[in-house]
Every structure is written in structure tokens, then in C-alpha cells.
């Protein structure tokens, strides 16, 4: 069995535009914080802190969307392994023997519980994005169908079917 899922380039481009606009808004928090001040809740200092945090997060997600543009497929399933490229911080090649459990997680995600350390060889940006998207990052990874050309149910059935066939080997 061999199956590839590609990216929906329109959604990736929308993500790029969205995070560029968000980055510009957060930059304006730093440049001109006084226009965002509300008498009861916000001070200039808190707006600047929100701007700094927002710039760090939105620029890292923007970078991850730029990287996705160069990838040819988001998920590739073969008899020996699964290649997850659905996000910048994805692990890439995952052998079926390294997976202990597959289950649905919320609306657009599939959770794979792995038998090995996930963050072992990741750089700081990938660790940060993994932590921001998956609070249970030490034990599992999330595969998202949000940017792929299939729905979550089709992706789940394909991955779990391939896992069941290859788990017996």
C-alpha cells in the first residue's frame, strides 16, 4: 500500500496572509501602544508585553507556513512507515513499530502515541511549536488534516488501517 496526501495550497496561502497581518498588528502594539490603552484593563506596559509575545509566536508560525510551501506532500503512508510533513514541527518518518496507539483527537487531529522520545533531536523552534500545539508533547504527536486535501475521517481510516496491517508484521 502506498498513499500520499497533498497540501491544500489555498489554505497554506491563507495561513501565510493571516499570520503576516497578525505580525503587523503585534508590531503596531510596540510602535504605538498608546492607541490600544483602555482605562480599566490595559496599560502601556501590558500592551508592549502582549506585542512582544505576539511577535515571537506569529513570526514562528509564519516561518513554519513558509517552509510548508516547499513540501510536495503532507502525509505519505507506505507499508514500512508513515511520513508526516503536515506541519513544520512534524517528526517526518515514523516507523509503524514506533507507534503504540492511534486515536482521534478533537475535530481535525489524529493522535499517535509513540514508544520513543519525541523531542530528542528537535531544534528550539520545533520544540516551541510542538509545545504550543500539543500539551501532551512528551508522549504523543498530533497529525492535523486542516491543511491536507482530505478530511479527518479519511485520514484516520487510512492511517489506522495501515497501522493494523503492519502491526502484525
C-alpha atoms as a PDB file:
ATOM      1  CA  UNK A   1       0.000   0.000   0.000  1.00  0.00           C
ATOM      2  CA  UNK A   2       1.190   3.455  -0.862  1.00  0.00           C
ATOM      3  CA  UNK A   3      -0.795   6.659  -0.342  1.00  0.00           C
ATOM      4  CA  UNK A   4       0.083  10.364  -0.439  1.00  0.00           C
ATOM      5  CA  UNK A   5      -1.948  13.274   0.821  1.00  0.00           C
ATOM      6  CA  UNK A   6      -1.069  16.694  -0.571  1.00  0.00           C
ATOM      7  CA  UNK A   7      -1.451  20.169   0.898  1.00  0.00           C
ATOM      8  CA  UNK A   8      -4.329  22.459   0.082  1.00  0.00           C
ATOM      9  CA  UNK A   9      -2.171  25.311  -1.174  1.00  0.00           C
ATOM     10  CA  UNK A  10      -5.059  27.771  -0.753  1.00  0.00           C
ATOM     11  CA  UNK A  11      -5.197  27.111   2.985  1.00  0.00           C
ATOM     12  CA  UNK A  12      -1.427  27.420   3.297  1.00  0.00           C
ATOM     13  CA  UNK A  13      -1.507  30.768   1.449  1.00  0.00           C
ATOM     14  CA  UNK A  14      -4.399  31.921   3.645  1.00  0.00           C
ATOM     15  CA  UNK A  15      -2.330  30.994   6.711  1.00  0.00           C
ATOM     16  CA  UNK A  16       0.601  32.998   5.351  1.00  0.00           C
ATOM     17  CA  UNK A  17      -1.540  36.079   4.777  1.00  0.00           C
ATOM     18  CA  UNK A  18      -3.265  35.723   8.159  1.00  0.00           C
ATOM     19  CA  UNK A  19      -0.003  35.479  10.118  1.00  0.00           C
ATOM     20  CA  UNK A  20       1.580  38.363   8.183  1.00  0.00           C
ATOM     21  CA  UNK A  21      -1.389  40.539   9.161  1.00  0.00           C
ATOM     22  CA  UNK A  22      -1.216  39.306  12.747  1.00  0.00           C
ATOM     23  CA  UNK A  23       2.505  40.066  12.844  1.00  0.00           C
ATOM     24  CA  UNK A  24       1.836  43.602  11.581  1.00  0.00           C
ATOM     25  CA  UNK A  25      -0.783  44.123  14.297  1.00  0.00           C
ATOM     26  CA  UNK A  26       1.617  42.987  17.012  1.00  0.00           C
ATOM     27  CA  UNK A  27       4.349  45.243  15.607  1.00  0.00           C
ATOM     28  CA  UNK A  28       1.902  48.139  15.862  1.00  0.00           C
ATOM     29  CA  UNK A  29       1.464  47.232  19.552  1.00  0.00           C
ATOM     30  CA  UNK A  30       5.168  48.045  20.007  1.00  0.00           C
ATOM     31  CA  UNK A  31       5.323  51.086  17.766  1.00  0.00           C
ATOM     32  CA  UNK A  32       2.223  52.859  19.023  1.00  0.00           C
ATOM     33  CA  UNK A  33       0.927  51.189  22.228  1.00  0.00           C
ATOM     34  CA  UNK A  34      -0.971  54.252  23.481  1.00  0.00           C
ATOM     35  CA  UNK A  35      -3.767  53.861  20.917  1.00  0.00           C
ATOM     36  CA  UNK A  36      -4.593  50.428  22.376  1.00  0.00           C
ATOM     37  CA  UNK A  37      -4.810  51.578  26.011  1.00  0.00           C
ATOM     38  CA  UNK A  38      -8.123  51.050  27.779  1.00  0.00           C
ATOM     39  CA  UNK A  39      -8.512  52.833  31.105  1.00  0.00           C
ATOM     40  CA  UNK A  40      -9.544  49.842  33.222  1.00  0.00           C
ATOM     41  CA  UNK A  41      -7.758  46.808  31.865  1.00  0.00           C
ATOM     42  CA  UNK A  42      -4.733  47.741  29.780  1.00  0.00           C
ATOM     43  CA  UNK A  43      -1.619  49.729  30.447  1.00  0.00           C
ATOM     44  CA  UNK A  44       1.120  50.644  28.002  1.00  0.00           C
ATOM     45  CA  UNK A  45       3.445  48.093  29.584  1.00  0.00           C
ATOM     46  CA  UNK A  46       0.969  45.212  29.232  1.00  0.00           C
ATOM     47  CA  UNK A  47       0.323  46.104  25.579  1.00  0.00           C
ATOM     48  CA  UNK A  48       4.070  46.053  24.870  1.00  0.00           C
ATOM     49  CA  UNK A  49       4.392  42.645  26.571  1.00  0.00           C
ATOM     50  CA  UNK A  50       1.486  41.290  24.508  1.00  0.00           C
ATOM     51  CA  UNK A  51       3.137  42.735  21.397  1.00  0.00           C
ATOM     52  CA  UNK A  52       6.465  41.025  22.118  1.00  0.00           C
ATOM     53  CA  UNK A  53       4.827  37.658  22.839  1.00  0.00           C
ATOM     54  CA  UNK A  54       2.622  38.035  19.764  1.00  0.00           C
ATOM     55  CA  UNK A  55       5.580  38.895  17.526  1.00  0.00           C
ATOM     56  CA  UNK A  56       7.508  35.840  18.718  1.00  0.00           C
ATOM     57  CA  UNK A  57       4.575  33.468  18.226  1.00  0.00           C
ATOM     58  CA  UNK A  58       3.231  34.853  14.941  1.00  0.00           C
ATOM     59  CA  UNK A  59       6.685  35.097  13.346  1.00  0.00           C
ATOM     60  CA  UNK A  60       7.477  31.478  14.289  1.00  0.00           C
ATOM     61  CA  UNK A  61       4.162  30.246  12.858  1.00  0.00           C
ATOM     62  CA  UNK A  62       4.692  32.415   9.764  1.00  0.00           C
ATOM     63  CA  UNK A  63       8.106  30.804   9.251  1.00  0.00           C
ATOM     64  CA  UNK A  64       6.521  27.354   9.581  1.00  0.00           C
ATOM     65  CA  UNK A  65       3.957  28.197   6.882  1.00  0.00           C
ATOM     66  CA  UNK A  66       6.739  29.394   4.554  1.00  0.00           C
ATOM     67  CA  UNK A  67       8.515  26.046   5.000  1.00  0.00           C
ATOM     68  CA  UNK A  68       5.278  24.182   4.152  1.00  0.00           C
ATOM     69  CA  UNK A  69       5.133  25.829   0.718  1.00  0.00           C
ATOM     70  CA  UNK A  70       8.200  23.902  -0.439  1.00  0.00           C
ATOM     71  CA  UNK A  71       6.923  20.474   0.641  1.00  0.00           C
ATOM     72  CA  UNK A  72       5.384  18.241  -2.023  1.00  0.00           C
ATOM     73  CA  UNK A  73       3.075  16.207   0.226  1.00  0.00           C
ATOM     74  CA  UNK A  74       1.727  16.492   3.734  1.00  0.00           C
ATOM     75  CA  UNK A  75       1.416  12.806   4.657  1.00  0.00           C
ATOM     76  CA  UNK A  76       2.808   9.717   2.956  1.00  0.00           C
ATOM     77  CA  UNK A  77       1.806   6.205   4.008  1.00  0.00           C
ATOM     78  CA  UNK A  78       3.766   3.120   2.963  1.00  0.00           C
ATOM     79  CA  UNK A  79       3.968  -0.457   4.212  1.00  0.00           C
ATOM     80  CA  UNK A  80       7.095   0.271   6.276  1.00  0.00           C
ATOM     81  CA  UNK A  81       6.437   3.734   7.675  1.00  0.00           C
ATOM     82  CA  UNK A  82       4.406   6.926   7.820  1.00  0.00           C
ATOM     83  CA  UNK A  83       5.935  10.257   6.810  1.00  0.00           C
ATOM     84  CA  UNK A  84       4.260  13.220   8.495  1.00  0.00           C
ATOM     85  CA  UNK A  85       5.019  16.602   6.910  1.00  0.00           C
ATOM     86  CA  UNK A  86       1.663  18.160   7.797  1.00  0.00           C
ATOM     87  CA  UNK A  87       3.281  20.834   9.988  1.00  0.00           C
ATOM     88  CA  UNK A  88       6.743  22.354  10.242  1.00  0.00           C
ATOM     89  CA  UNK A  89       7.358  20.691  13.603  1.00  0.00           C
ATOM     90  CA  UNK A  90       6.232  17.238  12.410  1.00  0.00           C
ATOM     91  CA  UNK A  91       8.542  14.318  13.061  1.00  0.00           C
ATOM     92  CA  UNK A  92       8.832  13.172   9.469  1.00  0.00           C
ATOM     93  CA  UNK A  93       9.435   9.438   9.099  1.00  0.00           C
ATOM     94  CA  UNK A  94       7.739   7.299  11.753  1.00  0.00           C
ATOM     95  CA  UNK A  95       8.046   3.540  11.556  1.00  0.00           C
ATOM     96  CA  UNK A  96       4.940   1.525  12.407  1.00  0.00           C
ATOM     97  CA  UNK A  97       6.784  -0.322  15.184  1.00  0.00           C
ATOM     98  CA  UNK A  98       7.332   3.018  16.996  1.00  0.00           C
ATOM     99  CA  UNK A  99       3.573   3.657  17.274  1.00  0.00           C
ATOM    100  CA  UNK A 100       1.706   2.162  20.222  1.00  0.00           C
ATOM    101  CA  UNK A 101      -1.761   3.700  19.762  1.00  0.00           C
ATOM    102  CA  UNK A 102      -3.768   5.719  17.219  1.00  0.00           C
ATOM    103  CA  UNK A 103      -6.901   7.664  18.143  1.00  0.00           C
ATOM    104  CA  UNK A 104      -8.949  10.687  17.093  1.00  0.00           C
ATOM    105  CA  UNK A 105      -8.234  13.896  18.966  1.00  0.00           C
ATOM    106  CA  UNK A 106     -10.789  16.713  18.819  1.00  0.00           C
ATOM    107  CA  UNK A 107     -12.143  17.723  15.411  1.00  0.00           C
ATOM    108  CA  UNK A 108      -9.189  17.888  12.972  1.00  0.00           C
ATOM    109  CA  UNK A 109      -6.452  15.836  14.625  1.00  0.00           C
ATOM    110  CA  UNK A 110      -5.247  12.284  14.943  1.00  0.00           C
ATOM    111  CA  UNK A 111      -3.128  11.450  17.969  1.00  0.00           C
ATOM    112  CA  UNK A 112      -0.291   8.962  17.620  1.00  0.00           C
ATOM    113  CA  UNK A 113       1.199   7.675  20.859  1.00  0.00           C
ATOM    114  CA  UNK A 114       4.824   6.732  20.309  1.00  0.00           C
ATOM    115  CA  UNK A 115       7.237   4.351  22.032  1.00  0.00           C
ATOM    116  CA  UNK A 116      10.223   6.724  21.794  1.00  0.00           C
ATOM    117  CA  UNK A 117      11.300  10.192  22.899  1.00  0.00           C
ATOM    118  CA  UNK A 118       9.707  12.746  20.621  1.00  0.00           C
ATOM    119  CA  UNK A 119      11.716  15.923  21.271  1.00  0.00           C
ATOM    120  CA  UNK A 120      15.130  14.264  21.239  1.00  0.00           C
ATOM    121  CA  UNK A 121      16.570  15.831  18.071  1.00  0.00           C
ATOM    122  CA  UNK A 122      14.340  18.881  17.534  1.00  0.00           C
ATOM    123  CA  UNK A 123      15.608  22.437  17.358  1.00  0.00           C
ATOM    124  CA  UNK A 124      14.285  25.159  19.677  1.00  0.00           C
ATOM    125  CA  UNK A 125      11.661  26.468  17.242  1.00  0.00           C
ATOM    126  CA  UNK A 126      10.253  22.989  16.611  1.00  0.00           C
ATOM    127  CA  UNK A 127      10.137  22.334  20.362  1.00  0.00           C
ATOM    128  CA  UNK A 128       8.308  25.611  20.932  1.00  0.00           C
ATOM    129  CA  UNK A 129       5.727  24.953  18.204  1.00  0.00           C
ATOM    130  CA  UNK A 130       5.252  21.341  19.343  1.00  0.00           C
ATOM    131  CA  UNK A 131       4.572  22.570  22.875  1.00  0.00           C
ATOM    132  CA  UNK A 132       2.157  25.285  21.669  1.00  0.00           C
ATOM    133  CA  UNK A 133       0.085  22.845  19.573  1.00  0.00           C
ATOM    134  CA  UNK A 134       0.237  19.745  21.769  1.00  0.00           C
ATOM    135  CA  UNK A 135       0.353  19.964  25.549  1.00  0.00           C
ATOM    136  CA  UNK A 136       0.949  16.208  25.773  1.00  0.00           C
ATOM    137  CA  UNK A 137       4.035  16.510  23.572  1.00  0.00           C
ATOM    138  CA  UNK A 138       6.237  14.072  25.528  1.00  0.00           C
ATOM    139  CA  UNK A 139       4.041  11.063  24.809  1.00  0.00           C
ATOM    140  CA  UNK A 140       2.231  11.757  21.556  1.00  0.00           C
ATOM    141  CA  UNK A 141       2.129  13.706  18.318  1.00  0.00           C
ATOM    142  CA  UNK A 142      -0.840  15.247  16.582  1.00  0.00           C
ATOM    143  CA  UNK A 143      -1.377  14.852  12.861  1.00  0.00           C
ATOM    144  CA  UNK A 144      -3.676  17.525  11.552  1.00  0.00           C
ATOM    145  CA  UNK A 145      -5.872  17.250   8.496  1.00  0.00           C
ATOM    146  CA  UNK A 146      -6.505  21.007   8.448  1.00  0.00           C
ATOM    147  CA  UNK A 147      -4.059  21.690   5.598  1.00  0.00           C
ATOM    148  CA  UNK A 148      -4.376  18.375   3.734  1.00  0.00           C
ATOM    149  CA  UNK A 149      -6.516  17.528   0.729  1.00  0.00           C
ATOM    150  CA  UNK A 150      -8.635  15.023   2.682  1.00  0.00           C
ATOM    151  CA  UNK A 151     -10.930  15.073   5.673  1.00  0.00           C
ATOM    152  CA  UNK A 152     -10.040  13.807   9.133  1.00  0.00           C
ATOM    153  CA  UNK A 153     -12.129  10.654   8.864  1.00  0.00           C
ATOM    154  CA  UNK A 154     -10.489   9.543   5.606  1.00  0.00           C
ATOM    155  CA  UNK A 155      -7.043  10.243   7.034  1.00  0.00           C
ATOM    156  CA  UNK A 156      -7.825   8.365  10.265  1.00  0.00           C
ATOM    157  CA  UNK A 157      -9.182   5.313   8.417  1.00  0.00           C
ATOM    158  CA  UNK A 158      -6.154   5.225   6.101  1.00  0.00           C
ATOM    159  CA  UNK A 159      -3.572   5.604   8.883  1.00  0.00           C
ATOM    160  CA  UNK A 160      -5.234   3.192  11.316  1.00  0.00           C
ATOM    161  CA  UNK A 161      -5.778   0.615   8.528  1.00  0.00           C
ATOM    162  CA  UNK A 162      -2.115   0.752   7.525  1.00  0.00           C
ATOM    163  CA  UNK A 163      -1.092   0.572  11.190  1.00  0.00           C
ATOM    164  CA  UNK A 164      -3.253  -2.517  11.821  1.00  0.00           C
ATOM    165  CA  UNK A 165      -1.880  -4.284   8.744  1.00  0.00           C
ATOM    166  CA  UNK A 166       1.728  -3.511   9.646  1.00  0.00           C
ATOM    167  CA  UNK A 167       1.417  -4.058  13.395  1.00  0.00           C
ATOM    168  CA  UNK A 168       1.114  -7.803  12.773  1.00  0.00           C
ATOM    169  CA  UNK A 169       4.403  -7.969  10.847  1.00  0.00           C
END
